[in-house]
């Protein structure tokens, strides 16, 4: 039973990467696969369908409003000249190098992620950081991967790491929140090392996109 989600995901990604389906069509394939799996396991009931449709609608509406808010936020910032102001501040007044600016962005992700979820953080920083990253000559796909890894660090760092509270809820009663805080140290270290490796060798993360778009 545990292999079914991996089969559905592998089918979706395989169809998409081979160009047989688009991204939206792959999503439909995944939904159909989940529907068939539920039917085969005799779990496809009206209650499940109703709950799934309501949750899907709620999540879709949430993301649509987030995207709308991000577009409005970016338009206002662009109209106020915030993008050029930040670029002028970092490059001309502070005279930072592109790599120093990138490191500052990574640090800001960790700090913001201690108090915000990744979606809210993306709405705030994307209109400011993405144009600057492109202007500095960095690959936006590579930067997106760095952002995702940094978000995972933020998700397990106090005081409001979401995954910390999730682990506390799943842990036995004798495991305290302090114990969980101590346990994250090696994982944070591994992810920081991963960020350093990805920054030093961008081709590790770009070979698959380059292969796909270069076919």
N, C-alpha and C. Protein backbone atom coordinates (compact mmCIF):
# COMPACT_ATOMS: atom_id res chain seq x y z
N UNK A 1 0.83 -1.20 0.00
CA UNK A 1 0.00 0.00 0.00
C UNK A 1 0.86 1.25 0.00
N UNK A 2 2.01 1.18 0.70
CA UNK A 2 2.86 2.37 0.79
C UNK A 2 3.52 2.73 -0.52
N UNK A 3 3.55 1.81 -1.48
CA UNK A 3 4.20 2.08 -2.76
C UNK A 3 3.30 2.84 -3.71
N UNK A 4 2.00 2.86 -3.44
CA UNK A 4 1.05 3.49 -4.37
C UNK A 4 1.33 4.97 -4.57
N UNK A 5 1.54 5.77 -3.50
CA UNK A 5 1.84 7.19 -3.73
C UNK A 5 3.08 7.42 -4.59
N UNK A 6 4.10 6.57 -4.42
CA UNK A 6 5.31 6.71 -5.22
C UNK A 6 5.03 6.36 -6.69
N UNK A 7 4.19 5.36 -6.92
CA UNK A 7 3.84 5.00 -8.30
C UNK A 7 3.07 6.14 -8.97
N UNK A 8 2.13 6.73 -8.24
CA UNK A 8 1.36 7.84 -8.81
C UNK A 8 2.27 9.02 -9.11
N UNK A 9 3.15 9.35 -8.15
CA UNK A 9 4.07 10.47 -8.36
C UNK A 9 5.02 10.19 -9.51
N UNK A 10 5.56 8.96 -9.57
CA UNK A 10 6.47 8.61 -10.66
C UNK A 10 5.79 8.67 -12.01
N UNK A 11 4.53 8.25 -12.07
CA UNK A 11 3.78 8.33 -13.33
C UNK A 11 3.59 9.78 -13.76
N UNK A 12 3.20 10.62 -12.81
CA UNK A 12 3.01 12.04 -13.11
C UNK A 12 4.28 12.68 -13.66
N UNK A 13 5.39 12.49 -12.92
CA UNK A 13 6.65 13.12 -13.32
C UNK A 13 7.19 12.53 -14.61
N UNK A 14 7.01 11.21 -14.78
CA UNK A 14 7.48 10.59 -16.01
C UNK A 14 6.76 11.11 -17.24
N UNK A 15 5.44 11.25 -17.15
CA UNK A 15 4.66 11.78 -18.27
C UNK A 15 5.03 13.23 -18.56
N UNK A 16 5.26 13.99 -17.48
CA UNK A 16 5.59 15.41 -17.67
C UNK A 16 6.99 15.58 -18.27
N UNK A 17 7.97 14.88 -17.72
CA UNK A 17 9.35 15.04 -18.18
C UNK A 17 9.56 14.52 -19.60
N UNK A 18 8.78 13.54 -19.99
CA UNK A 18 8.90 13.03 -21.36
C UNK A 18 8.09 13.84 -22.36
N UNK A 19 7.36 14.83 -21.88
CA UNK A 19 6.62 15.71 -22.78
C UNK A 19 5.28 15.17 -23.23
N UNK A 20 4.85 14.05 -22.68
CA UNK A 20 3.57 13.47 -23.07
C UNK A 20 2.41 14.33 -22.55
N UNK A 21 2.57 14.84 -21.34
CA UNK A 21 1.53 15.69 -20.75
C UNK A 21 2.13 17.01 -20.30
N UNK A 22 1.27 18.01 -20.18
CA UNK A 22 1.70 19.27 -19.59
C UNK A 22 1.64 19.16 -18.07
N UNK A 23 2.04 20.21 -17.39
CA UNK A 23 2.03 20.19 -15.93
C UNK A 23 0.60 20.03 -15.39
N UNK A 24 -0.35 20.75 -15.99
CA UNK A 24 -1.74 20.66 -15.55
C UNK A 24 -2.30 19.27 -15.85
N UNK A 25 -1.98 18.73 -17.02
CA UNK A 25 -2.45 17.40 -17.38
C UNK A 25 -1.86 16.34 -16.46
N UNK A 26 -0.61 16.52 -16.04
CA UNK A 26 0.01 15.59 -15.10
C UNK A 26 -0.71 15.61 -13.76
N UNK A 27 -1.15 16.80 -13.35
CA UNK A 27 -1.93 16.91 -12.12
C UNK A 27 -3.23 16.13 -12.23
N UNK A 28 -3.86 16.22 -13.40
CA UNK A 28 -5.10 15.46 -13.62
C UNK A 28 -4.83 13.96 -13.58
N UNK A 29 -3.70 13.54 -14.14
CA UNK A 29 -3.32 12.12 -14.09
C UNK A 29 -3.14 11.68 -12.65
N UNK A 30 -2.50 12.52 -11.83
CA UNK A 30 -2.32 12.19 -10.43
C UNK A 30 -3.64 12.06 -9.69
N UNK A 31 -4.56 12.99 -9.97
CA UNK A 31 -5.88 12.93 -9.34
C UNK A 31 -6.63 11.67 -9.76
N UNK A 32 -6.54 11.32 -11.05
CA UNK A 32 -7.19 10.10 -11.54
C UNK A 32 -6.57 8.86 -10.92
N UNK A 33 -5.24 8.86 -10.78
CA UNK A 33 -4.56 7.73 -10.16
C UNK A 33 -4.99 7.55 -8.71
N UNK A 34 -5.09 8.65 -7.97
CA UNK A 34 -5.54 8.59 -6.57
C UNK A 34 -6.98 8.10 -6.48
N UNK A 35 -7.80 8.52 -7.45
CA UNK A 35 -9.21 8.09 -7.48
C UNK A 35 -9.31 6.58 -7.72
N UNK A 36 -8.51 6.10 -8.67
CA UNK A 36 -8.53 4.66 -8.97
C UNK A 36 -8.01 3.86 -7.78
N UNK A 37 -6.93 4.36 -7.14
CA UNK A 37 -6.37 3.66 -5.98
C UNK A 37 -7.38 3.57 -4.85
N UNK A 38 -8.11 4.67 -4.62
CA UNK A 38 -9.13 4.66 -3.56
C UNK A 38 -10.26 3.69 -3.90
N UNK A 39 -10.63 3.64 -5.18
CA UNK A 39 -11.70 2.73 -5.59
C UNK A 39 -11.26 1.27 -5.44
N UNK A 40 -10.03 0.96 -5.83
CA UNK A 40 -9.53 -0.41 -5.72
C UNK A 40 -9.46 -0.85 -4.27
N UNK A 41 -9.08 0.06 -3.38
CA UNK A 41 -8.98 -0.26 -1.96
C UNK A 41 -10.32 -0.12 -1.24
N UNK A 42 -11.38 0.17 -2.00
CA UNK A 42 -12.73 0.28 -1.48
C UNK A 42 -12.87 1.37 -0.43
N UNK A 43 -12.19 2.47 -0.66
CA UNK A 43 -12.28 3.62 0.23
C UNK A 43 -12.93 4.82 -0.44
N UNK A 44 -13.41 4.61 -1.66
CA UNK A 44 -14.01 5.70 -2.42
C UNK A 44 -15.49 5.82 -2.05
N UNK A 45 -15.77 6.60 -1.02
CA UNK A 45 -17.13 6.81 -0.56
C UNK A 45 -17.56 8.25 -0.83
N UNK A 46 -18.84 8.51 -0.69
CA UNK A 46 -19.35 9.86 -0.90
C UNK A 46 -18.72 10.83 0.11
N UNK A 47 -18.53 10.35 1.35
CA UNK A 47 -17.92 11.21 2.37
C UNK A 47 -16.50 11.61 1.98
N UNK A 48 -15.74 10.66 1.46
CA UNK A 48 -14.36 10.95 1.03
C UNK A 48 -14.36 11.93 -0.14
N UNK A 49 -15.22 11.71 -1.12
CA UNK A 49 -15.30 12.60 -2.28
C UNK A 49 -15.70 14.02 -1.85
N UNK A 50 -16.72 14.11 -0.98
CA UNK A 50 -17.17 15.42 -0.52
C UNK A 50 -16.08 16.15 0.24
N UNK A 51 -15.40 15.44 1.16
CA UNK A 51 -14.33 16.06 1.94
C UNK A 51 -13.17 16.49 1.06
N UNK A 52 -12.80 15.63 0.09
CA UNK A 52 -11.69 15.94 -0.81
C UNK A 52 -12.00 17.16 -1.68
N UNK A 53 -13.18 17.24 -2.20
CA UNK A 53 -13.56 18.37 -3.05
C UNK A 53 -13.58 19.67 -2.26
N UNK A 54 -14.09 19.61 -1.03
CA UNK A 54 -14.12 20.82 -0.19
C UNK A 54 -12.71 21.30 0.14
N UNK A 55 -11.83 20.35 0.51
CA UNK A 55 -10.46 20.72 0.84
C UNK A 55 -9.72 21.24 -0.38
N UNK A 56 -9.94 20.61 -1.53
CA UNK A 56 -9.29 21.06 -2.77
C UNK A 56 -9.74 22.46 -3.13
N UNK A 57 -11.04 22.73 -3.01
CA UNK A 57 -11.56 24.06 -3.31
C UNK A 57 -10.99 25.10 -2.35
N UNK A 58 -10.91 24.76 -1.07
CA UNK A 58 -10.38 25.70 -0.08
C UNK A 58 -8.92 26.03 -0.35
N UNK A 59 -8.12 24.99 -0.65
CA UNK A 59 -6.69 25.22 -0.91
C UNK A 59 -6.49 25.99 -2.21
N UNK A 60 -7.27 25.65 -3.25
CA UNK A 60 -7.15 26.35 -4.53
C UNK A 60 -7.50 27.82 -4.38
N UNK A 61 -8.57 28.11 -3.66
CA UNK A 61 -8.96 29.51 -3.44
C UNK A 61 -7.90 30.26 -2.64
N UNK A 62 -7.33 29.57 -1.65
CA UNK A 62 -6.29 30.20 -0.84
C UNK A 62 -5.10 30.60 -1.70
N UNK A 63 -4.66 29.68 -2.56
CA UNK A 63 -3.49 29.98 -3.38
C UNK A 63 -3.81 31.03 -4.44
N UNK A 64 -5.03 31.04 -4.95
CA UNK A 64 -5.40 32.07 -5.91
C UNK A 64 -5.36 33.45 -5.27
N UNK A 65 -5.86 33.56 -4.04
CA UNK A 65 -5.81 34.83 -3.33
C UNK A 65 -4.37 35.23 -2.99
N UNK A 66 -3.55 34.23 -2.67
CA UNK A 66 -2.13 34.52 -2.39
C UNK A 66 -1.44 35.05 -3.64
N UNK A 67 -1.70 34.40 -4.78
CA UNK A 67 -1.11 34.86 -6.04
C UNK A 67 -1.60 36.26 -6.38
N UNK A 68 -2.90 36.51 -6.18
CA UNK A 68 -3.45 37.84 -6.43
C UNK A 68 -2.78 38.88 -5.53
N UNK A 69 -2.63 38.52 -4.24
CA UNK A 69 -1.98 39.44 -3.31
C UNK A 69 -0.53 39.70 -3.71
N UNK A 70 0.16 38.65 -4.16
CA UNK A 70 1.56 38.81 -4.57
C UNK A 70 1.68 39.73 -5.78
N UNK A 71 0.77 39.56 -6.74
CA UNK A 71 0.79 40.43 -7.93
C UNK A 71 0.52 41.87 -7.56
N UNK A 72 -0.47 42.09 -6.68
CA UNK A 72 -0.77 43.46 -6.24
C UNK A 72 0.40 44.05 -5.46
N UNK A 73 0.96 43.23 -4.58
CA UNK A 73 2.10 43.67 -3.78
C UNK A 73 3.28 44.06 -4.66
N UNK A 74 3.57 43.20 -5.65
CA UNK A 74 4.67 43.49 -6.56
C UNK A 74 4.43 44.72 -7.40
N UNK A 75 3.20 44.91 -7.85
CA UNK A 75 2.89 46.09 -8.67
C UNK A 75 3.06 47.38 -7.88
N UNK A 76 2.58 47.36 -6.63
CA UNK A 76 2.73 48.56 -5.78
C UNK A 76 4.20 48.85 -5.51
N UNK A 77 4.96 47.80 -5.18
CA UNK A 77 6.38 48.00 -4.91
C UNK A 77 7.12 48.50 -6.14
N UNK A 78 6.76 47.94 -7.29
CA UNK A 78 7.39 48.36 -8.53
C UNK A 78 7.05 49.82 -8.83
N UNK A 79 5.78 50.17 -8.60
CA UNK A 79 5.36 51.55 -8.84
C UNK A 79 6.04 52.54 -7.92
N UNK A 80 6.33 52.13 -6.70
CA UNK A 80 7.01 53.01 -5.74
C UNK A 80 8.52 53.06 -5.96
N UNK A 81 9.02 52.19 -6.84
CA UNK A 81 10.46 52.19 -7.12
C UNK A 81 11.28 51.43 -6.10
N UNK A 82 10.63 50.52 -5.36
CA UNK A 82 11.34 49.80 -4.31
C UNK A 82 12.43 48.89 -4.87
N UNK A 83 12.18 48.28 -6.03
CA UNK A 83 13.17 47.39 -6.62
C UNK A 83 14.47 48.13 -6.93
N UNK A 84 14.33 49.27 -7.56
CA UNK A 84 15.53 50.05 -7.89
C UNK A 84 16.20 50.59 -6.64
N UNK A 85 15.38 50.93 -5.63
CA UNK A 85 15.94 51.46 -4.38
C UNK A 85 16.79 50.41 -3.68
N UNK A 86 16.29 49.17 -3.63
CA UNK A 86 17.05 48.10 -2.99
C UNK A 86 18.32 47.79 -3.77
N UNK A 87 18.21 47.78 -5.07
CA UNK A 87 19.39 47.53 -5.90
C UNK A 87 20.44 48.61 -5.70
N UNK A 88 20.00 49.85 -5.66
CA UNK A 88 20.92 50.97 -5.44
C UNK A 88 21.56 50.89 -4.06
N UNK A 89 20.75 50.55 -3.04
CA UNK A 89 21.27 50.45 -1.68
C UNK A 89 22.34 49.37 -1.56
N UNK A 90 22.06 48.19 -2.10
CA UNK A 90 22.98 47.07 -1.92
C UNK A 90 24.21 47.16 -2.80
N UNK A 91 24.04 47.60 -4.04
CA UNK A 91 25.15 47.58 -4.99
C UNK A 91 25.97 48.86 -4.98
N UNK A 92 25.31 50.00 -4.83
CA UNK A 92 26.02 51.28 -4.96
C UNK A 92 26.41 51.87 -3.61
N UNK A 93 25.48 51.89 -2.67
CA UNK A 93 25.80 52.50 -1.38
C UNK A 93 26.61 51.56 -0.50
N UNK A 94 26.17 50.31 -0.39
CA UNK A 94 26.90 49.35 0.44
C UNK A 94 28.00 48.65 -0.34
N UNK A 95 27.96 48.70 -1.66
CA UNK A 95 28.97 48.11 -2.54
C UNK A 95 29.18 46.62 -2.25
N UNK A 96 28.08 45.90 -2.12
CA UNK A 96 28.16 44.46 -1.88
C UNK A 96 28.34 43.72 -3.20
N UNK A 97 29.02 42.59 -3.13
CA UNK A 97 29.17 41.75 -4.30
C UNK A 97 27.88 40.91 -4.49
N UNK A 98 27.67 40.39 -5.68
CA UNK A 98 26.47 39.55 -5.88
C UNK A 98 26.37 38.38 -4.90
N UNK A 99 27.49 37.75 -4.58
CA UNK A 99 27.44 36.61 -3.66
C UNK A 99 27.12 37.06 -2.24
N UNK A 100 27.60 38.23 -1.84
CA UNK A 100 27.25 38.76 -0.51
C UNK A 100 25.76 39.06 -0.43
N UNK A 101 25.21 39.60 -1.50
CA UNK A 101 23.77 39.87 -1.54
C UNK A 101 22.98 38.57 -1.45
N UNK A 102 23.45 37.55 -2.16
CA UNK A 102 22.77 36.25 -2.13
C UNK A 102 22.78 35.66 -0.72
N UNK A 103 23.91 35.75 -0.03
CA UNK A 103 24.00 35.24 1.33
C UNK A 103 23.06 36.01 2.26
N UNK A 104 22.97 37.33 2.08
CA UNK A 104 22.04 38.12 2.88
C UNK A 104 20.61 37.66 2.66
N UNK A 105 20.27 37.33 1.42
CA UNK A 105 18.93 36.83 1.13
C UNK A 105 18.67 35.51 1.84
N UNK A 106 19.65 34.62 1.82
CA UNK A 106 19.48 33.34 2.49
C UNK A 106 19.26 33.52 3.99
N UNK A 107 20.02 34.43 4.58
CA UNK A 107 19.87 34.70 6.02
C UNK A 107 18.49 35.29 6.31
N UNK A 108 18.02 36.18 5.43
CA UNK A 108 16.70 36.77 5.64
C UNK A 108 15.61 35.71 5.53
N UNK A 109 15.79 34.71 4.68
CA UNK A 109 14.82 33.62 4.58
C UNK A 109 14.70 32.87 5.90
N UNK A 110 15.86 32.59 6.52
CA UNK A 110 15.85 31.86 7.79
C UNK A 110 15.16 32.68 8.87
N UNK A 111 15.46 33.97 8.93
CA UNK A 111 14.87 34.83 9.96
C UNK A 111 13.36 34.96 9.75
N UNK A 112 12.94 35.23 8.52
CA UNK A 112 11.51 35.35 8.24
C UNK A 112 10.78 34.04 8.47
N UNK A 113 11.46 32.93 8.11
CA UNK A 113 10.83 31.63 8.25
C UNK A 113 10.61 31.20 9.69
N UNK A 114 11.27 31.86 10.64
CA UNK A 114 11.03 31.57 12.04
C UNK A 114 9.66 32.04 12.50
N UNK A 115 9.07 32.98 11.73
CA UNK A 115 7.80 33.58 12.14
C UNK A 115 6.70 33.44 11.09
N UNK A 116 7.06 33.14 9.83
CA UNK A 116 6.09 33.05 8.75
C UNK A 116 6.19 31.71 8.06
N UNK A 117 5.09 31.29 7.42
CA UNK A 117 5.19 30.08 6.59
C UNK A 117 5.78 30.45 5.24
N UNK A 118 6.13 29.44 4.45
CA UNK A 118 6.85 29.68 3.21
C UNK A 118 6.02 30.46 2.20
N UNK A 119 4.70 30.26 2.18
CA UNK A 119 3.86 30.98 1.22
C UNK A 119 3.81 32.46 1.53
N UNK A 120 3.58 32.79 2.80
CA UNK A 120 3.55 34.20 3.20
C UNK A 120 4.90 34.87 2.96
N UNK A 121 5.97 34.14 3.24
CA UNK A 121 7.30 34.69 3.03
C UNK A 121 7.57 34.93 1.54
N UNK A 122 7.10 34.01 0.71
CA UNK A 122 7.30 34.15 -0.73
C UNK A 122 6.58 35.38 -1.26
N UNK A 123 5.37 35.64 -0.75
CA UNK A 123 4.62 36.81 -1.19
C UNK A 123 5.38 38.10 -0.87
N UNK A 124 6.09 38.10 0.26
CA UNK A 124 6.81 39.30 0.68
C UNK A 124 8.10 39.50 -0.11
N UNK A 125 8.89 38.43 -0.26
CA UNK A 125 10.23 38.59 -0.80
C UNK A 125 10.32 38.44 -2.32
N UNK A 126 9.40 37.68 -2.92
CA UNK A 126 9.51 37.41 -4.36
C UNK A 126 9.53 38.68 -5.21
N UNK A 127 8.62 39.66 -4.99
CA UNK A 127 8.66 40.87 -5.82
C UNK A 127 9.94 41.67 -5.67
N UNK A 128 10.63 41.49 -4.54
CA UNK A 128 11.86 42.24 -4.30
C UNK A 128 13.10 41.49 -4.74
N UNK A 129 13.13 40.19 -4.47
CA UNK A 129 14.35 39.43 -4.68
C UNK A 129 14.50 38.90 -6.10
N UNK A 130 13.42 38.43 -6.71
CA UNK A 130 13.54 37.78 -8.02
C UNK A 130 14.11 38.72 -9.08
N UNK A 131 13.61 39.96 -9.24
CA UNK A 131 14.22 40.85 -10.24
C UNK A 131 15.69 41.14 -9.95
N UNK A 132 16.03 41.25 -8.65
CA UNK A 132 17.42 41.51 -8.29
C UNK A 132 18.30 40.32 -8.62
N UNK A 133 17.82 39.11 -8.35
CA UNK A 133 18.58 37.90 -8.65
C UNK A 133 18.85 37.80 -10.15
N UNK A 134 17.83 38.05 -10.95
CA UNK A 134 17.98 38.00 -12.40
C UNK A 134 18.95 39.08 -12.87
N UNK A 135 18.84 40.28 -12.28
CA UNK A 135 19.74 41.37 -12.65
C UNK A 135 21.18 41.09 -12.29
N UNK A 136 21.40 40.31 -11.24
CA UNK A 136 22.77 39.97 -10.82
C UNK A 136 23.36 38.84 -11.65
N UNK A 137 22.54 38.23 -12.50
CA UNK A 137 23.04 37.18 -13.38
C UNK A 137 22.90 35.78 -12.83
N UNK A 138 22.18 35.60 -11.72
CA UNK A 138 21.96 34.27 -11.16
C UNK A 138 20.78 33.60 -11.85
N UNK A 139 20.82 32.27 -11.87
CA UNK A 139 19.73 31.50 -12.46
C UNK A 139 18.56 31.46 -11.48
N UNK A 140 17.36 31.89 -11.89
CA UNK A 140 16.22 31.91 -10.96
C UNK A 140 15.78 30.51 -10.50
N UNK A 141 15.97 29.49 -11.35
CA UNK A 141 15.63 28.13 -10.93
C UNK A 141 16.56 27.68 -9.81
N UNK A 142 17.82 27.95 -9.96
CA UNK A 142 18.82 27.63 -8.94
C UNK A 142 18.52 28.37 -7.65
N UNK A 143 18.13 29.64 -7.76
CA UNK A 143 17.77 30.42 -6.58
C UNK A 143 16.52 29.86 -5.90
N UNK A 144 15.57 29.39 -6.70
CA UNK A 144 14.37 28.78 -6.14
C UNK A 144 14.68 27.54 -5.32
N UNK A 145 15.64 26.74 -5.78
CA UNK A 145 16.03 25.55 -5.04
C UNK A 145 16.70 25.94 -3.72
N UNK A 146 17.54 26.97 -3.75
CA UNK A 146 18.14 27.48 -2.52
C UNK A 146 17.07 27.97 -1.55
N UNK A 147 16.05 28.62 -2.11
CA UNK A 147 14.95 29.12 -1.28
C UNK A 147 14.22 27.96 -0.59
N UNK A 148 13.95 26.90 -1.32
CA UNK A 148 13.24 25.75 -0.76
C UNK A 148 14.04 25.11 0.38
N UNK A 149 15.35 24.93 0.16
CA UNK A 149 16.19 24.33 1.20
C UNK A 149 16.23 25.23 2.43
N UNK A 150 16.35 26.54 2.21
CA UNK A 150 16.39 27.47 3.34
C UNK A 150 15.07 27.47 4.10
N UNK A 151 13.96 27.31 3.39
CA UNK A 151 12.65 27.23 4.05
C UNK A 151 12.59 26.03 4.97
N UNK A 152 13.20 24.92 4.56
CA UNK A 152 13.20 23.74 5.41
C UNK A 152 14.00 23.97 6.68
N UNK A 153 15.07 24.76 6.58
CA UNK A 153 15.81 25.13 7.78
C UNK A 153 14.93 25.96 8.69
N UNK A 154 14.22 26.93 8.09
CA UNK A 154 13.34 27.80 8.89
C UNK A 154 12.23 27.01 9.55
N UNK A 155 11.78 25.93 8.91
CA UNK A 155 10.68 25.14 9.44
C UNK A 155 11.06 24.33 10.68
N UNK A 156 12.36 24.17 10.93
CA UNK A 156 12.78 23.39 12.10
C UNK A 156 13.61 24.22 13.06
N UNK A 157 13.53 25.54 12.96
CA UNK A 157 14.27 26.40 13.88
C UNK A 157 13.30 27.16 14.77
N UNK A 158 13.61 27.27 16.06
CA UNK A 158 12.74 28.00 16.99
C UNK A 158 12.70 29.49 16.61
N UNK A 159 11.73 30.27 17.11
CA UNK A 159 10.73 29.84 18.09
C UNK A 159 9.46 29.25 17.48
N UNK A 160 9.21 29.50 16.18
CA UNK A 160 7.94 29.05 15.60
C UNK A 160 8.15 28.12 14.42
N UNK A 161 9.07 27.19 14.57
CA UNK A 161 9.26 26.20 13.51
C UNK A 161 8.08 25.25 13.46
N UNK A 162 7.36 25.27 12.34
CA UNK A 162 6.14 24.47 12.23
C UNK A 162 6.40 22.99 12.43
N UNK A 163 7.48 22.49 11.85
CA UNK A 163 7.76 21.07 11.97
C UNK A 163 8.11 20.66 13.40
N UNK A 164 8.62 21.60 14.20
CA UNK A 164 8.94 21.28 15.59
C UNK A 164 7.68 20.93 16.36
N UNK A 165 6.63 21.72 16.17
CA UNK A 165 5.38 21.46 16.88
C UNK A 165 4.70 20.19 16.34
N UNK A 166 4.88 19.93 15.05
CA UNK A 166 4.35 18.69 14.49
C UNK A 166 5.05 17.48 15.10
N UNK A 167 6.37 17.56 15.22
CA UNK A 167 7.11 16.45 15.83
C UNK A 167 6.73 16.28 17.30
N UNK A 168 6.50 17.41 17.99
CA UNK A 168 6.11 17.31 19.40
C UNK A 168 4.76 16.62 19.54
N UNK A 169 3.84 16.89 18.64
CA UNK A 169 2.52 16.27 18.70
C UNK A 169 2.59 14.77 18.43
N UNK A 170 3.57 14.35 17.61
CA UNK A 170 3.68 12.93 17.26
C UNK A 170 4.59 12.16 18.21
N UNK A 171 5.40 12.88 19.00
CA UNK A 171 6.37 12.22 19.87
C UNK A 171 5.71 11.67 21.13
N UNK A 172 6.35 10.69 21.77
CA UNK A 172 5.83 10.17 23.05
C UNK A 172 5.83 11.26 24.12
N UNK A 173 5.01 11.11 25.15
CA UNK A 173 4.89 12.16 26.19
C UNK A 173 6.20 12.50 26.88
N UNK A 174 7.11 11.52 27.00
CA UNK A 174 8.36 11.78 27.71
C UNK A 174 9.33 12.63 26.90
N UNK A 175 9.08 12.81 25.62
CA UNK A 175 9.92 13.66 24.77
C UNK A 175 9.44 15.09 24.88
N UNK A 176 10.29 15.97 25.38
CA UNK A 176 9.91 17.37 25.56
C UNK A 176 10.28 18.19 24.34
N UNK A 177 9.76 19.42 24.29
CA UNK A 177 10.07 20.31 23.18
C UNK A 177 11.55 20.67 23.17
N UNK A 178 12.16 20.74 24.36
CA UNK A 178 13.59 21.02 24.44
C UNK A 178 14.39 19.89 23.80
N UNK A 179 13.97 18.66 24.03
CA UNK A 179 14.63 17.51 23.40
C UNK A 179 14.57 17.62 21.87
N UNK A 180 13.42 18.04 21.37
CA UNK A 180 13.25 18.18 19.92
C UNK A 180 14.13 19.31 19.40
N UNK A 181 14.22 20.41 20.16
CA UNK A 181 15.10 21.51 19.76
C UNK A 181 16.54 21.04 19.62
N UNK A 182 16.98 20.21 20.57
CA UNK A 182 18.36 19.71 20.53
C UNK A 182 18.57 18.77 19.36
N UNK A 183 17.55 18.03 18.99
CA UNK A 183 17.70 17.02 17.94
C UNK A 183 17.84 17.61 16.55
N UNK A 184 17.48 18.90 16.37
CA UNK A 184 17.51 19.49 15.03
C UNK A 184 18.89 19.93 14.61
N UNK A 185 19.82 20.02 15.56
CA UNK A 185 21.15 20.59 15.26
C UNK A 185 21.83 19.87 14.09
N UNK A 186 21.94 18.53 14.09
CA UNK A 186 22.62 17.89 12.94
C UNK A 186 21.88 18.08 11.63
N UNK A 187 20.55 18.15 11.67
CA UNK A 187 19.79 18.32 10.44
C UNK A 187 20.00 19.73 9.86
N UNK A 188 20.04 20.73 10.73
CA UNK A 188 20.32 22.09 10.27
C UNK A 188 21.72 22.15 9.67
N UNK A 189 22.66 21.49 10.32
CA UNK A 189 24.03 21.47 9.79
C UNK A 189 24.11 20.82 8.43
N UNK A 190 23.38 19.71 8.24
CA UNK A 190 23.37 19.02 6.95
C UNK A 190 22.79 19.91 5.86
N UNK A 191 21.69 20.62 6.18
CA UNK A 191 21.06 21.47 5.18
C UNK A 191 21.91 22.70 4.85
N UNK A 192 22.60 23.24 5.85
CA UNK A 192 23.52 24.35 5.57
C UNK A 192 24.64 23.87 4.65
N UNK A 193 25.16 22.67 4.93
CA UNK A 193 26.19 22.10 4.05
C UNK A 193 25.64 21.89 2.64
N UNK A 194 24.37 21.46 2.54
CA UNK A 194 23.74 21.27 1.23
C UNK A 194 23.65 22.61 0.48
N UNK A 195 23.28 23.67 1.19
CA UNK A 195 23.20 25.00 0.56
C UNK A 195 24.57 25.42 0.03
N UNK A 196 25.60 25.19 0.83
CA UNK A 196 26.96 25.56 0.41
C UNK A 196 27.36 24.79 -0.85
N UNK A 197 27.04 23.49 -0.87
CA UNK A 197 27.38 22.67 -2.03
C UNK A 197 26.61 23.13 -3.26
N UNK A 198 25.31 23.41 -3.10
CA UNK A 198 24.50 23.86 -4.23
C UNK A 198 24.97 25.21 -4.73
N UNK A 199 25.38 26.09 -3.83
CA UNK A 199 25.90 27.40 -4.24
C UNK A 199 27.23 27.26 -4.97
N UNK A 200 28.06 26.33 -4.50
CA UNK A 200 29.38 26.16 -5.11
C UNK A 200 29.30 25.42 -6.44
N UNK A 201 28.32 24.52 -6.57
CA UNK A 201 28.19 23.72 -7.79
C UNK A 201 26.75 23.78 -8.31
N UNK A 202 26.37 24.89 -8.94
CA UNK A 202 24.98 25.05 -9.42
C UNK A 202 24.56 23.96 -10.39
N UNK A 203 25.50 23.36 -11.11
CA UNK A 203 25.15 22.36 -12.11
C UNK A 203 24.50 21.12 -11.48
N UNK A 204 24.72 20.92 -10.17
CA UNK A 204 24.09 19.79 -9.49
C UNK A 204 22.56 19.90 -9.51
N UNK A 205 22.07 21.11 -9.45
CA UNK A 205 20.62 21.32 -9.44
C UNK A 205 20.05 21.73 -10.78
N UNK A 206 20.91 22.11 -11.71
CA UNK A 206 20.43 22.62 -12.99
C UNK A 206 20.52 21.62 -14.13
N UNK A 207 21.18 20.48 -13.89
CA UNK A 207 21.35 19.55 -15.01
C UNK A 207 20.02 19.01 -15.50
N UNK A 208 19.10 18.71 -14.58
CA UNK A 208 17.81 18.17 -15.00
C UNK A 208 16.97 19.23 -15.74
N UNK A 209 16.82 20.47 -15.21
CA UNK A 209 16.10 21.49 -16.00
C UNK A 209 16.76 21.77 -17.34
N UNK A 210 18.11 21.81 -17.36
CA UNK A 210 18.81 22.08 -18.61
C UNK A 210 18.59 20.95 -19.62
N UNK A 211 18.58 19.72 -19.11
CA UNK A 211 18.33 18.57 -19.99
C UNK A 211 16.92 18.63 -20.54
N UNK A 212 15.96 18.96 -19.68
CA UNK A 212 14.57 18.95 -20.09
C UNK A 212 14.30 20.06 -21.11
N UNK A 213 14.72 21.27 -20.80
CA UNK A 213 14.45 22.39 -21.70
C UNK A 213 15.33 22.38 -22.94
N UNK A 214 16.42 21.61 -22.90
CA UNK A 214 17.32 21.56 -24.04
C UNK A 214 17.04 20.43 -24.98
N UNK A 215 15.98 19.64 -24.71
CA UNK A 215 15.68 18.51 -25.58
C UNK A 215 15.21 18.98 -26.94
